[in-house]
Amino acid sequence: MTDIKRTKTELDATGQAVGRLASKIAMILRGKDKPTFVRNIDEGGKVIVKNADKVKFTGRKLEQKDYYHHSMHPGGIKRTPMKKIFLKDPAEVIRKAVLRMLPDNRQRSALMQRLSFK
C-alpha cells in the first residue's frame, strides 16, 4: 500500500450556487477527481472554502428552504429556516449541503473533517 498524497484545494465561493459548489467539494473530498479513485479507499484531498458568506442562492431558497430535525419522540420535529442558519453562520449552509451529498457510511465523518472555511 502506498502513502496517500492529499491535495489541498482552495475554492472561492463568491457568486457560486450552493449546490454546484457543494458537489465540487464532495467530489474532491471523496477523491473522485483523481484517476486512481476506488470507492472503498479514502484518497480524497483537503478543501478550504473562502468567502462562504458571498455564496449565491438560486430561486427563493433563502426564504423557502427549511432544515428539519426529529427527536424521535411524538411531536418532536424541529424546523429551522435556511435564512436563520445562513445569517448565524454562512459556512453551515455549505457544510450541510456537502454532508448530504456524501455517502452515509463510516468514511463520512473523516471526509467532513477535511473541509474547512476561511
PDB file of N, CA and C in Angstrom:
ATOM      1  N   MET A   1       0.844  -1.190   0.000  1.00  0.00           N
ATOM      2  CA  MET A   1       0.000   0.000   0.000  1.00  0.00           C
ATOM      3  C   MET A   1       0.880   1.242   0.000  1.00  0.00           C
ATOM      4  N   THR A   2       0.611   2.151  -0.879  1.00  0.00           N
ATOM      5  CA  THR A   2       1.400   3.366  -0.957  1.00  0.00           C
ATOM      6  C   THR A   2       0.812   4.437  -0.058  1.00  0.00           C
ATOM      7  N   ASP A   3       1.627   5.421   0.255  1.00  0.00           N
ATOM      8  CA  ASP A   3       1.139   6.542   1.053  1.00  0.00           C
ATOM      9  C   ASP A   3       0.199   7.390   0.219  1.00  0.00           C
ATOM     10  N   ILE A   4      -0.837   7.882   0.853  1.00  0.00           N
ATOM     11  CA  ILE A   4      -1.824   8.697   0.155  1.00  0.00           C
ATOM     12  C   ILE A   4      -1.377  10.155   0.197  1.00  0.00           C
ATOM     13  N   LYS A   5      -1.306  10.773  -0.971  1.00  0.00           N
ATOM     14  CA  LYS A   5      -0.947  12.186  -1.077  1.00  0.00           C
ATOM     15  C   LYS A   5      -2.242  12.995  -1.106  1.00  0.00           C
ATOM     16  N   ARG A   6      -2.455  13.773  -0.073  1.00  0.00           N
ATOM     17  CA  ARG A   6      -3.659  14.603  -0.013  1.00  0.00           C
ATOM     18  C   ARG A   6      -3.374  15.958  -0.650  1.00  0.00           C
ATOM     19  N   THR A   7      -4.186  16.319  -1.616  1.00  0.00           N
ATOM     20  CA  THR A   7      -4.041  17.621  -2.236  1.00  0.00           C
ATOM     21  C   THR A   7      -4.846  18.632  -1.445  1.00  0.00           C
ATOM     22  N   LYS A   8      -4.367  19.853  -1.407  1.00  0.00           N
ATOM     23  CA  LYS A   8      -5.080  20.931  -0.719  1.00  0.00           C
ATOM     24  C   LYS A   8      -5.656  21.854  -1.786  1.00  0.00           C
ATOM     25  N   THR A   9      -6.982  22.007  -1.780  1.00  0.00           N
ATOM     26  CA  THR A   9      -7.664  22.819  -2.775  1.00  0.00           C
ATOM     27  C   THR A   9      -8.360  23.981  -2.094  1.00  0.00           C
ATOM     28  N   GLU A  10      -8.138  25.187  -2.599  1.00  0.00           N
ATOM     29  CA  GLU A  10      -8.843  26.368  -2.095  1.00  0.00           C
ATOM     30  C   GLU A  10      -9.883  26.780  -3.118  1.00  0.00           C
ATOM     31  N   LEU A  11     -11.127  26.898  -2.677  1.00  0.00           N
ATOM     32  CA  LEU A  11     -12.216  27.302  -3.551  1.00  0.00           C
ATOM     33  C   LEU A  11     -12.779  28.632  -3.068  1.00  0.00           C
ATOM     34  N   ASP A  12     -13.079  29.509  -4.022  1.00  0.00           N
ATOM     35  CA  ASP A  12     -13.694  30.788  -3.703  1.00  0.00           C
ATOM     36  C   ASP A  12     -15.186  30.671  -3.975  1.00  0.00           C
ATOM     37  N   ALA A  13     -16.006  30.882  -2.956  1.00  0.00           N
ATOM     38  CA  ALA A  13     -17.453  30.699  -3.072  1.00  0.00           C
ATOM     39  C   ALA A  13     -18.167  31.934  -3.608  1.00  0.00           C
ATOM     40  N   THR A  14     -17.453  32.985  -3.915  1.00  0.00           N
ATOM     41  CA  THR A  14     -18.080  34.224  -4.357  1.00  0.00           C
ATOM     42  C   THR A  14     -18.880  34.000  -5.632  1.00  0.00           C
ATOM     43  N   GLY A  15     -20.182  34.253  -5.567  1.00  0.00           N
ATOM     44  CA  GLY A  15     -21.047  34.193  -6.738  1.00  0.00           C
ATOM     45  C   GLY A  15     -21.390  32.793  -7.211  1.00  0.00           C
ATOM     46  N   GLN A  16     -21.007  31.752  -6.507  1.00  0.00           N
ATOM     47  CA  GLN A  16     -21.323  30.390  -6.922  1.00  0.00           C
ATOM     48  C   GLN A  16     -22.582  29.899  -6.227  1.00  0.00           C
ATOM     49  N   ALA A  17     -23.357  29.087  -6.936  1.00  0.00           N
ATOM     50  CA  ALA A  17     -24.556  28.492  -6.356  1.00  0.00           C
ATOM     51  C   ALA A  17     -24.153  27.439  -5.319  1.00  0.00           C
ATOM     52  N   VAL A  18     -24.926  27.337  -4.259  1.00  0.00           N
ATOM     53  CA  VAL A  18     -24.586  26.454  -3.141  1.00  0.00           C
ATOM     54  C   VAL A  18     -24.471  25.003  -3.585  1.00  0.00           C
ATOM     55  N   GLY A  19     -25.425  24.509  -4.338  1.00  0.00           N
ATOM     56  CA  GLY A  19     -25.424  23.109  -4.740  1.00  0.00           C
ATOM     57  C   GLY A  19     -24.268  22.756  -5.652  1.00  0.00           C
ATOM     58  N   ARG A  20     -23.967  23.620  -6.595  1.00  0.00           N
ATOM     59  CA  ARG A  20     -22.864  23.355  -7.521  1.00  0.00           C
ATOM     60  C   ARG A  20     -21.526  23.379  -6.789  1.00  0.00           C
ATOM     61  N   LEU A  21     -21.387  24.309  -5.868  1.00  0.00           N
ATOM     62  CA  LEU A  21     -20.170  24.383  -5.067  1.00  0.00           C
ATOM     63  C   LEU A  21     -20.045  23.144  -4.184  1.00  0.00           C
ATOM     64  N   ALA A  22     -21.142  22.731  -3.570  1.00  0.00           N
ATOM     65  CA  ALA A  22     -21.129  21.570  -2.682  1.00  0.00           C
ATOM     66  C   ALA A  22     -20.787  20.294  -3.444  1.00  0.00           C
ATOM     67  N   SER A  23     -21.259  20.165  -4.686  1.00  0.00           N
ATOM     68  CA  SER A  23     -20.939  18.955  -5.448  1.00  0.00           C
ATOM     69  C   SER A  23     -19.461  18.918  -5.826  1.00  0.00           C
ATOM     70  N   LYS A  24     -18.862  20.088  -6.126  1.00  0.00           N
ATOM     71  CA  LYS A  24     -17.419  20.137  -6.389  1.00  0.00           C
ATOM     72  C   LYS A  24     -16.634  19.725  -5.148  1.00  0.00           C
ATOM     73  N   ILE A  25     -17.053  20.252  -4.004  1.00  0.00           N
ATOM     74  CA  ILE A  25     -16.368  19.946  -2.744  1.00  0.00           C
ATOM     75  C   ILE A  25     -16.479  18.453  -2.430  1.00  0.00           C
ATOM     76  N   ALA A  26     -17.669  17.883  -2.596  1.00  0.00           N
ATOM     77  CA  ALA A  26     -17.883  16.471  -2.290  1.00  0.00           C
ATOM     78  C   ALA A  26     -17.021  15.574  -3.181  1.00  0.00           C
ATOM     79  N   MET A  27     -16.880  15.937  -4.446  1.00  0.00           N
ATOM     80  CA  MET A  27     -16.056  15.135  -5.356  1.00  0.00           C
ATOM     81  C   MET A  27     -14.586  15.180  -4.953  1.00  0.00           C
ATOM     82  N   ILE A  28     -14.103  16.344  -4.552  1.00  0.00           N
ATOM     83  CA  ILE A  28     -12.701  16.475  -4.139  1.00  0.00           C
ATOM     84  C   ILE A  28     -12.453  15.719  -2.834  1.00  0.00           C
ATOM     85  N   LEU A  29     -13.395  15.830  -1.880  1.00  0.00           N
ATOM     86  CA  LEU A  29     -13.239  15.149  -0.594  1.00  0.00           C
ATOM     87  C   LEU A  29     -13.193  13.628  -0.759  1.00  0.00           C
ATOM     88  N   ARG A  30     -13.988  13.091  -1.670  1.00  0.00           N
ATOM     89  CA  ARG A  30     -14.002  11.646  -1.891  1.00  0.00           C
ATOM     90  C   ARG A  30     -12.842  11.179  -2.745  1.00  0.00           C
ATOM     91  N   GLY A  31     -12.239  12.080  -3.524  1.00  0.00           N
ATOM     92  CA  GLY A  31     -11.133  11.691  -4.388  1.00  0.00           C
ATOM     93  C   GLY A  31     -11.573  11.314  -5.782  1.00  0.00           C
ATOM     94  N   LYS A  32     -12.796  11.659  -6.149  1.00  0.00           N
ATOM     95  CA  LYS A  32     -13.311  11.316  -7.467  1.00  0.00           C
ATOM     96  C   LYS A  32     -12.659  12.129  -8.579  1.00  0.00           C
ATOM     97  N   ASP A  33     -11.921  13.161  -8.222  1.00  0.00           N
ATOM     98  CA  ASP A  33     -11.231  13.957  -9.231  1.00  0.00           C
ATOM     99  C   ASP A  33      -9.891  13.337  -9.629  1.00  0.00           C
ATOM    100  N   LYS A  34      -9.509  12.240  -8.987  1.00  0.00           N
ATOM    101  CA  LYS A  34      -8.243  11.562  -9.281  1.00  0.00           C
ATOM    102  C   LYS A  34      -8.505  10.330 -10.153  1.00  0.00           C
ATOM    103  N   PRO A  35      -7.574  10.004 -11.036  1.00  0.00           N
ATOM    104  CA  PRO A  35      -7.773   8.814 -11.876  1.00  0.00           C
ATOM    105  C   PRO A  35      -7.653   7.499 -11.110  1.00  0.00           C
ATOM    106  N   THR A  36      -7.132   7.537  -9.890  1.00  0.00           N
ATOM    107  CA  THR A  36      -6.952   6.325  -9.097  1.00  0.00           C
ATOM    108  C   THR A  36      -8.105   6.097  -8.118  1.00  0.00           C
ATOM    109  N   PHE A  37      -9.267   6.686  -8.373  1.00  0.00           N
ATOM    110  CA  PHE A  37     -10.398   6.598  -7.444  1.00  0.00           C
ATOM    111  C   PHE A  37     -10.879   5.161  -7.286  1.00  0.00           C
ATOM    112  N   VAL A  38     -10.980   4.744  -6.028  1.00  0.00           N
ATOM    113  CA  VAL A  38     -11.607   3.482  -5.655  1.00  0.00           C
ATOM    114  C   VAL A  38     -12.516   3.823  -4.485  1.00  0.00           C
ATOM    115  N   ARG A  39     -13.773   3.400  -4.544  1.00  0.00           N
ATOM    116  CA  ARG A  39     -14.737   3.903  -3.568  1.00  0.00           C
ATOM    117  C   ARG A  39     -14.512   3.433  -2.139  1.00  0.00           C
ATOM    118  N   ASN A  40     -13.779   2.327  -1.939  1.00  0.00           N
ATOM    119  CA  ASN A  40     -13.566   1.862  -0.571  1.00  0.00           C
ATOM    120  C   ASN A  40     -12.268   2.379   0.042  1.00  0.00           C
ATOM    121  N   ILE A  41     -11.491   3.161  -0.713  1.00  0.00           N
ATOM    122  CA  ILE A  41     -10.250   3.726  -0.199  1.00  0.00           C
ATOM    123  C   ILE A  41     -10.379   5.245  -0.185  1.00  0.00           C
ATOM    124  N   ASP A  42     -10.075   5.842   0.938  1.00  0.00           N
ATOM    125  CA  ASP A  42     -10.199   7.289   1.106  1.00  0.00           C
ATOM    126  C   ASP A  42      -8.922   7.972   0.601  1.00  0.00           C
ATOM    127  N   GLU A  43      -8.953   8.446  -0.647  1.00  0.00           N
ATOM    128  CA  GLU A  43      -7.804   9.128  -1.240  1.00  0.00           C
ATOM    129  C   GLU A  43      -8.092  10.607  -1.491  1.00  0.00           C
ATOM    130  N   GLY A  44      -9.156  11.122  -0.933  1.00  0.00           N
ATOM    131  CA  GLY A  44      -9.566  12.484  -1.212  1.00  0.00           C
ATOM    132  C   GLY A  44      -8.638  13.525  -0.631  1.00  0.00           C
ATOM    133  N   GLY A  45      -8.824  14.767  -1.085  1.00  0.00           N
ATOM    134  CA  GLY A  45      -7.989  15.864  -0.639  1.00  0.00           C
ATOM    135  C   GLY A  45      -8.672  16.731   0.396  1.00  0.00           C
ATOM    136  N   LYS A  46      -7.958  17.775   0.793  1.00  0.00           N
ATOM    137  CA  LYS A  46      -8.491  18.750   1.736  1.00  0.00           C
ATOM    138  C   LYS A  46      -9.057  19.924   0.949  1.00  0.00           C
ATOM    139  N   VAL A  47     -10.133  20.508   1.460  1.00  0.00           N
ATOM    140  CA  VAL A  47     -10.779  21.632   0.790  1.00  0.00           C
ATOM    141  C   VAL A  47     -10.912  22.786   1.770  1.00  0.00           C
ATOM    142  N   ILE A  48     -10.497  23.969   1.319  1.00  0.00           N
ATOM    143  CA  ILE A  48     -10.655  25.200   2.091  1.00  0.00           C
ATOM    144  C   ILE A  48     -11.549  26.120   1.272  1.00  0.00           C
ATOM    145  N   VAL A  49     -12.645  26.561   1.857  1.00  0.00           N
ATOM    146  CA  VAL A  49     -13.598  27.417   1.163  1.00  0.00           C
ATOM    147  C   VAL A  49     -13.464  28.831   1.700  1.00  0.00           C
ATOM    148  N   LYS A  50     -13.267  29.779   0.780  1.00  0.00           N
ATOM    149  CA  LYS A  50     -13.179  31.186   1.156  1.00  0.00           C
ATOM    150  C   LYS A  50     -14.466  31.894   0.755  1.00  0.00           C
ATOM    151  N   ASN A  51     -14.795  32.966   1.451  1.00  0.00           N
ATOM    152  CA  ASN A  51     -15.950  33.825   1.160  1.00  0.00           C
ATOM    153  C   ASN A  51     -17.265  33.045   1.142  1.00  0.00           C
ATOM    154  N   ALA A  52     -17.505  32.250   2.167  1.00  0.00           N
ATOM    155  CA  ALA A  52     -18.745  31.470   2.246  1.00  0.00           C
ATOM    156  C   ALA A  52     -19.967  32.378   2.379  1.00  0.00           C
ATOM    157  N   ASP A  53     -19.784  33.579   2.881  1.00  0.00           N
ATOM    158  CA  ASP A  53     -20.913  34.494   3.047  1.00  0.00           C
ATOM    159  C   ASP A  53     -21.330  35.147   1.734  1.00  0.00           C
ATOM    160  N   LYS A  54     -20.549  34.991   0.670  1.00  0.00           N
ATOM    161  CA  LYS A  54     -20.865  35.610  -0.626  1.00  0.00           C
ATOM    162  C   LYS A  54     -21.407  34.599  -1.626  1.00  0.00           C
ATOM    163  N   VAL A  55     -21.880  33.468  -1.126  1.00  0.00           N
ATOM    164  CA  VAL A  55     -22.424  32.431  -1.989  1.00  0.00           C
ATOM    165  C   VAL A  55     -23.765  32.892  -2.556  1.00  0.00           C
ATOM    166  N   LYS A  56     -24.144  32.352  -3.721  1.00  0.00           N
ATOM    167  CA  LYS A  56     -25.377  32.763  -4.397  1.00  0.00           C
ATOM    168  C   LYS A  56     -26.453  31.701  -4.192  1.00  0.00           C
ATOM    169  N   PHE A  57     -27.692  32.151  -3.972  1.00  0.00           N
ATOM    170  CA  PHE A  57     -28.827  31.247  -3.864  1.00  0.00           C
ATOM    171  C   PHE A  57     -29.714  31.438  -5.073  1.00  0.00           C
ATOM    172  N   THR A  58     -30.037  30.342  -5.754  1.00  0.00           N
ATOM    173  CA  THR A  58     -30.911  30.434  -6.912  1.00  0.00           C
ATOM    174  C   THR A  58     -32.355  30.316  -6.449  1.00  0.00           C
ATOM    175  N   GLY A  59     -33.241  30.936  -7.187  1.00  0.00           N
ATOM    176  CA  GLY A  59     -34.651  30.905  -6.822  1.00  0.00           C
ATOM    177  C   GLY A  59     -34.897  31.633  -5.512  1.00  0.00           C
ATOM    178  N   ARG A  60     -35.839  31.124  -4.731  1.00  0.00           N
ATOM    179  CA  ARG A  60     -36.166  31.733  -3.438  1.00  0.00           C
ATOM    180  C   ARG A  60     -35.796  30.804  -2.283  1.00  0.00           C
ATOM    181  N   LYS A  61     -34.700  30.067  -2.471  1.00  0.00           N
ATOM    182  CA  LYS A  61     -34.305  29.087  -1.461  1.00  0.00           C
ATOM    183  C   LYS A  61     -34.039  29.709  -0.101  1.00  0.00           C
ATOM    184  N   LEU A  62     -33.434  30.881  -0.093  1.00  0.00           N
ATOM    185  CA  LEU A  62     -33.079  31.503   1.177  1.00  0.00           C
ATOM    186  C   LEU A  62     -34.316  31.754   2.041  1.00  0.00           C
ATOM    187  N   GLU A  63     -35.435  32.096   1.416  1.00  0.00           N
ATOM    188  CA  GLU A  63     -36.667  32.340   2.167  1.00  0.00           C
ATOM    189  C   GLU A  63     -37.499  31.072   2.368  1.00  0.00           C
ATOM    190  N   GLN A  64     -37.444  30.124   1.409  1.00  0.00           N
ATOM    191  CA  GLN A  64     -38.374  28.995   1.433  1.00  0.00           C
ATOM    192  C   GLN A  64     -37.802  27.712   2.016  1.00  0.00           C
ATOM    193  N   LYS A  65     -36.500  27.481   1.902  1.00  0.00           N
ATOM    194  CA  LYS A  65     -35.928  26.198   2.309  1.00  0.00           C
ATOM    195  C   LYS A  65     -35.838  26.104   3.828  1.00  0.00           C
ATOM    196  N   ASP A  66     -36.203  24.940   4.343  1.00  0.00           N
ATOM    197  CA  ASP A  66     -36.149  24.667   5.775  1.00  0.00           C
ATOM    198  C   ASP A  66     -35.330  23.408   6.011  1.00  0.00           C
ATOM    199  N   TYR A  67     -34.657  23.352   7.144  1.00  0.00           N
ATOM    200  CA  TYR A  67     -33.961  22.151   7.584  1.00  0.00           C
ATOM    201  C   TYR A  67     -34.791  21.540   8.702  1.00  0.00           C
ATOM    202  N   TYR A  68     -34.938  20.217   8.661  1.00  0.00           N
ATOM    203  CA  TYR A  68     -35.757  19.513   9.639  1.00  0.00           C
ATOM    204  C   TYR A  68     -34.897  18.584  10.482  1.00  0.00           C
ATOM    205  N   HIS A  69     -35.273  18.456  11.731  1.00  0.00           N
ATOM    206  CA  HIS A  69     -34.624  17.523  12.662  1.00  0.00           C
ATOM    207  C   HIS A  69     -35.714  16.938  13.543  1.00  0.00           C
ATOM    208  N   HIS A  70     -35.655  15.636  13.772  1.00  0.00           N
ATOM    209  CA  HIS A  70     -36.662  14.974  14.595  1.00  0.00           C
ATOM    210  C   HIS A  70     -35.987  14.321  15.791  1.00  0.00           C
ATOM    211  N   SER A  71     -36.575  14.488  16.971  1.00  0.00           N
ATOM    212  CA  SER A  71     -36.005  13.943  18.201  1.00  0.00           C
ATOM    213  C   SER A  71     -36.414  12.491  18.438  1.00  0.00           C
ATOM    214  N   MET A  72     -37.195  11.924  17.523  1.00  0.00           N
ATOM    215  CA  MET A  72     -37.709  10.557  17.607  1.00  0.00           C
ATOM    216  C   MET A  72     -38.740  10.372  18.720  1.00  0.00           C
ATOM    217  N   HIS A  73     -39.272  11.454  19.213  1.00  0.00           N
ATOM    218  CA  HIS A  73     -40.383  11.407  20.152  1.00  0.00           C
ATOM    219  C   HIS A  73     -41.614  11.966  19.439  1.00  0.00           C
ATOM    220  N   PRO A  74     -42.815  11.585  19.845  1.00  0.00           N
ATOM    221  CA  PRO A  74     -44.009  12.113  19.188  1.00  0.00           C
ATOM    222  C   PRO A  74     -44.058  13.643  19.249  1.00  0.00           C
ATOM    223  N   GLY A  75     -44.257  14.257  18.128  1.00  0.00           N
ATOM    224  CA  GLY A  75     -44.315  15.709  18.057  1.00  0.00           C
ATOM    225  C   GLY A  75     -42.947  16.369  18.157  1.00  0.00           C
ATOM    226  N   GLY A  76     -41.888  15.610  17.938  1.00  0.00           N
ATOM    227  CA  GLY A  76     -40.546  16.127  18.157  1.00  0.00           C
ATOM    228  C   GLY A  76     -39.854  16.667  16.926  1.00  0.00           C
ATOM    229  N   ILE A  77     -40.629  17.083  15.906  1.00  0.00           N
ATOM    230  CA  ILE A  77     -39.987  17.601  14.700  1.00  0.00           C
ATOM    231  C   ILE A  77     -39.642  19.079  14.898  1.00  0.00           C
ATOM    232  N   LYS A  78     -38.450  19.444  14.485  1.00  0.00           N
ATOM    233  CA  LYS A  78     -37.990  20.831  14.602  1.00  0.00           C
ATOM    234  C   LYS A  78     -37.719  21.360  13.205  1.00  0.00           C
ATOM    235  N   ARG A  79     -38.126  22.582  12.931  1.00  0.00           N
ATOM    236  CA  ARG A  79     -37.926  23.217  11.635  1.00  0.00           C
ATOM    237  C   ARG A  79     -37.090  24.468  11.834  1.00  0.00           C
ATOM    238  N   THR A  80     -36.012  24.586  11.052  1.00  0.00           N
ATOM    239  CA  THR A  80     -35.162  25.764  11.118  1.00  0.00           C
ATOM    240  C   THR A  80     -35.038  26.343   9.716  1.00  0.00           C
ATOM    241  N   PRO A  81     -35.419  27.588   9.499  1.00  0.00           N
ATOM    242  CA  PRO A  81     -35.288  28.182   8.166  1.00  0.00           C
ATOM    243  C   PRO A  81     -33.819  28.351   7.777  1.00  0.00           C
ATOM    244  N   MET A  82     -33.543  28.198   6.482  1.00  0.00           N
ATOM    245  CA  MET A  82     -32.185  28.346   5.978  1.00  0.00           C
ATOM    246  C   MET A  82     -31.657  29.753   6.218  1.00  0.00           C
ATOM    247  N   LYS A  83     -32.515  30.750   6.134  1.00  0.00           N
ATOM    248  CA  LYS A  83     -32.083  32.133   6.316  1.00  0.00           C
ATOM    249  C   LYS A  83     -31.506  32.357   7.711  1.00  0.00           C
ATOM    250  N   LYS A  84     -32.124  31.751   8.712  1.00  0.00           N
ATOM    251  CA  LYS A  84     -31.656  31.892  10.093  1.00  0.00           C
ATOM    252  C   LYS A  84     -30.263  31.271  10.253  1.00  0.00           C
ATOM    253  N   ILE A  85     -30.069  30.096   9.684  1.00  0.00           N
ATOM    254  CA  ILE A  85     -28.766  29.430   9.762  1.00  0.00           C
ATOM    255  C   ILE A  85     -27.721  30.216   8.985  1.00  0.00           C
ATOM    256  N   PHE A  86     -28.089  30.729   7.797  1.00  0.00           N
ATOM    257  CA  PHE A  86     -27.145  31.468   6.966  1.00  0.00           C
ATOM    258  C   PHE A  86     -26.700  32.759   7.645  1.00  0.00           C
ATOM    259  N   LEU A  87     -27.613  33.455   8.313  1.00  0.00           N
ATOM    260  CA  LEU A  87     -27.245  34.693   8.993  1.00  0.00           C
ATOM    261  C   LEU A  87     -26.360  34.422  10.207  1.00  0.00           C
ATOM    262  N   LYS A  88     -26.579  33.284  10.877  1.00  0.00           N
ATOM    263  CA  LYS A  88     -25.773  32.935  12.043  1.00  0.00           C
ATOM    264  C   LYS A  88     -24.377  32.466  11.631  1.00  0.00           C
ATOM    265  N   ASP A  89     -24.312  31.548  10.656  1.00  0.00           N
ATOM    266  CA  ASP A  89     -23.036  31.006  10.187  1.00  0.00           C
ATOM    267  C   ASP A  89     -23.193  30.573   8.725  1.00  0.00           C
ATOM    268  N   PRO A  90     -22.712  31.387   7.771  1.00  0.00           N
ATOM    269  CA  PRO A  90     -22.875  31.053   6.351  1.00  0.00           C
ATOM    270  C   PRO A  90     -22.202  29.738   5.961  1.00  0.00           C
ATOM    271  N   ALA A  91     -21.135  29.376   6.638  1.00  0.00           N
ATOM    272  CA  ALA A  91     -20.431  28.134   6.306  1.00  0.00           C
ATOM    273  C   ALA A  91     -21.285  26.913   6.623  1.00  0.00           C
ATOM    274  N   GLU A  92     -22.192  27.021   7.575  1.00  0.00           N
ATOM    275  CA  GLU A  92     -23.010  25.880   7.980  1.00  0.00           C
ATOM    276  C   GLU A  92     -23.945  25.431   6.849  1.00  0.00           C
ATOM    277  N   VAL A  93     -24.418  26.363   6.033  1.00  0.00           N
ATOM    278  CA  VAL A  93     -25.289  26.013   4.903  1.00  0.00           C
ATOM    279  C   VAL A  93     -24.507  25.163   3.894  1.00  0.00           C
ATOM    280  N   ILE A  94     -23.283  25.560   3.612  1.00  0.00           N
ATOM    281  CA  ILE A  94     -22.450  24.795   2.682  1.00  0.00           C
ATOM    282  C   ILE A  94     -22.085  23.454   3.305  1.00  0.00           C
ATOM    283  N   ARG A  95     -21.777  23.458   4.591  1.00  0.00           N
ATOM    284  CA  ARG A  95     -21.412  22.220   5.286  1.00  0.00           C
ATOM    285  C   ARG A  95     -22.565  21.214   5.238  1.00  0.00           C
ATOM    286  N   LYS A  96     -23.792  21.670   5.448  1.00  0.00           N
ATOM    287  CA  LYS A  96     -24.956  20.773   5.402  1.00  0.00           C
ATOM    288  C   LYS A  96     -25.175  20.228   3.992  1.00  0.00           C
ATOM    289  N   ALA A  97     -24.980  21.072   2.978  1.00  0.00           N
ATOM    290  CA  ALA A  97     -25.157  20.622   1.598  1.00  0.00           C
ATOM    291  C   ALA A  97     -24.130  19.554   1.233  1.00  0.00           C
ATOM    292  N   VAL A  98     -22.879  19.768   1.640  1.00  0.00           N
ATOM    293  CA  VAL A  98     -21.821  18.795   1.343  1.00  0.00           C
ATOM    294  C   VAL A  98     -22.078  17.500   2.096  1.00  0.00           C
ATOM    295  N   LEU A  99     -22.465  17.589   3.362  1.00  0.00           N
ATOM    296  CA  LEU A  99     -22.719  16.409   4.189  1.00  0.00           C
ATOM    297  C   LEU A  99     -23.764  15.508   3.551  1.00  0.00           C
ATOM    298  N   ARG A 100     -24.795  16.102   2.989  1.00  0.00           N
ATOM    299  CA  ARG A 100     -25.877  15.316   2.403  1.00  0.00           C
ATOM    300  C   ARG A 100     -25.536  14.792   1.015  1.00  0.00           C
ATOM    301  N   MET A 101     -24.445  15.282   0.415  1.00  0.00           N
ATOM    302  CA  MET A 101     -24.003  14.753  -0.877  1.00  0.00           C
ATOM    303  C   MET A 101     -23.015  13.600  -0.715  1.00  0.00           C
ATOM    304  N   LEU A 102     -22.479  13.435   0.464  1.00  0.00           N
ATOM    305  CA  LEU A 102     -21.540  12.344   0.713  1.00  0.00           C
ATOM    306  C   LEU A 102     -22.304  11.088   1.104  1.00  0.00           C
ATOM    307  N   PRO A 103     -21.747   9.901   0.834  1.00  0.00           N
ATOM    308  CA  PRO A 103     -22.442   8.670   1.209  1.00  0.00           C
ATOM    309  C   PRO A 103     -22.534   8.520   2.724  1.00  0.00           C
ATOM    310  N   ASP A 104     -23.625   7.949   3.176  1.00  0.00           N
ATOM    311  CA  ASP A 104     -23.851   7.776   4.617  1.00  0.00           C
ATOM    312  C   ASP A 104     -23.186   6.484   5.064  1.00  0.00           C
ATOM    313  N   ASN A 105     -21.873   6.554   5.271  1.00  0.00           N
ATOM    314  CA  ASN A 105     -21.126   5.378   5.708  1.00  0.00           C
ATOM    315  C   ASN A 105     -20.055   5.793   6.710  1.00  0.00           C
ATOM    316  N   ARG A 106     -19.163   4.879   7.045  1.00  0.00           N
ATOM    317  CA  ARG A 106     -18.150   5.144   8.066  1.00  0.00           C
ATOM    318  C   ARG A 106     -17.153   6.217   7.660  1.00  0.00           C
ATOM    319  N   GLN A 107     -16.983   6.421   6.372  1.00  0.00           N
ATOM    320  CA  GLN A 107     -15.991   7.391   5.901  1.00  0.00           C
ATOM    321  C   GLN A 107     -16.467   8.836   6.013  1.00  0.00           C
ATOM    322  N   ARG A 108     -17.757   9.047   6.121  1.00  0.00           N
ATOM    323  CA  ARG A 108     -18.299  10.398   6.016  1.00  0.00           C
ATOM    324  C   ARG A 108     -17.749  11.366   7.053  1.00  0.00           C
ATOM    325  N   SER A 109     -17.609  10.968   8.289  1.00  0.00           N
ATOM    326  CA  SER A 109     -17.108  11.895   9.302  1.00  0.00           C
ATOM    327  C   SER A 109     -15.653  12.266   9.040  1.00  0.00           C
ATOM    328  N   ALA A 110     -14.859  11.321   8.560  1.00  0.00           N
ATOM    329  CA  ALA A 110     -13.457  11.612   8.223  1.00  0.00           C
ATOM    330  C   ALA A 110     -13.371  12.552   7.023  1.00  0.00           C
ATOM    331  N   LEU A 111     -14.277  12.387   6.066  1.00  0.00           N
ATOM    332  CA  LEU A 111     -14.299  13.272   4.902  1.00  0.00           C
ATOM    333  C   LEU A 111     -14.659  14.702   5.319  1.00  0.00           C
ATOM    334  N   MET A 112     -15.638  14.831   6.201  1.00  0.00           N
ATOM    335  CA  MET A 112     -16.086  16.162   6.612  1.00  0.00           C
ATOM    336  C   MET A 112     -15.033  16.889   7.445  1.00  0.00           C
ATOM    337  N   GLN A 113     -14.150  16.167   8.110  1.00  0.00           N
ATOM    338  CA  GLN A 113     -13.096  16.812   8.898  1.00  0.00           C
ATOM    339  C   GLN A 113     -12.080  17.515   8.009  1.00  0.00           C
ATOM    340  N   ARG A 114     -11.998  17.116   6.745  1.00  0.00           N
ATOM    341  CA  ARG A 114     -11.062  17.740   5.824  1.00  0.00           C
ATOM    342  C   ARG A 114     -11.645  18.962   5.126  1.00  0.00           C
ATOM    343  N   LEU A 115     -12.856  19.360   5.477  1.00  0.00           N
ATOM    344  CA  LEU A 115     -13.483  20.555   4.939  1.00  0.00           C
ATOM    345  C   LEU A 115     -13.332  21.679   5.940  1.00  0.00           C
ATOM    346  N   SER A 116     -12.768  22.816   5.501  1.00  0.00           N
ATOM    347  CA  SER A 116     -12.613  23.958   6.407  1.00  0.00           C
ATOM    348  C   SER A 116     -12.974  25.237   5.669  1.00  0.00           C
ATOM    349  N   PHE A 117     -13.169  26.294   6.446  1.00  0.00           N
ATOM    350  CA  PHE A 117     -13.613  27.579   5.902  1.00  0.00           C
ATOM    351  C   PHE A 117     -12.694  28.696   6.411  1.00  0.00           C
ATOM    352  N   LYS A 118     -12.486  29.682   5.544  1.00  0.00           N
ATOM    353  CA  LYS A 118     -11.718  30.883   5.925  1.00  0.00           C
ATOM    354  C   LYS A 118     -12.656  32.047   6.068  1.00  0.00           C
TER     355      LYS A 118
END
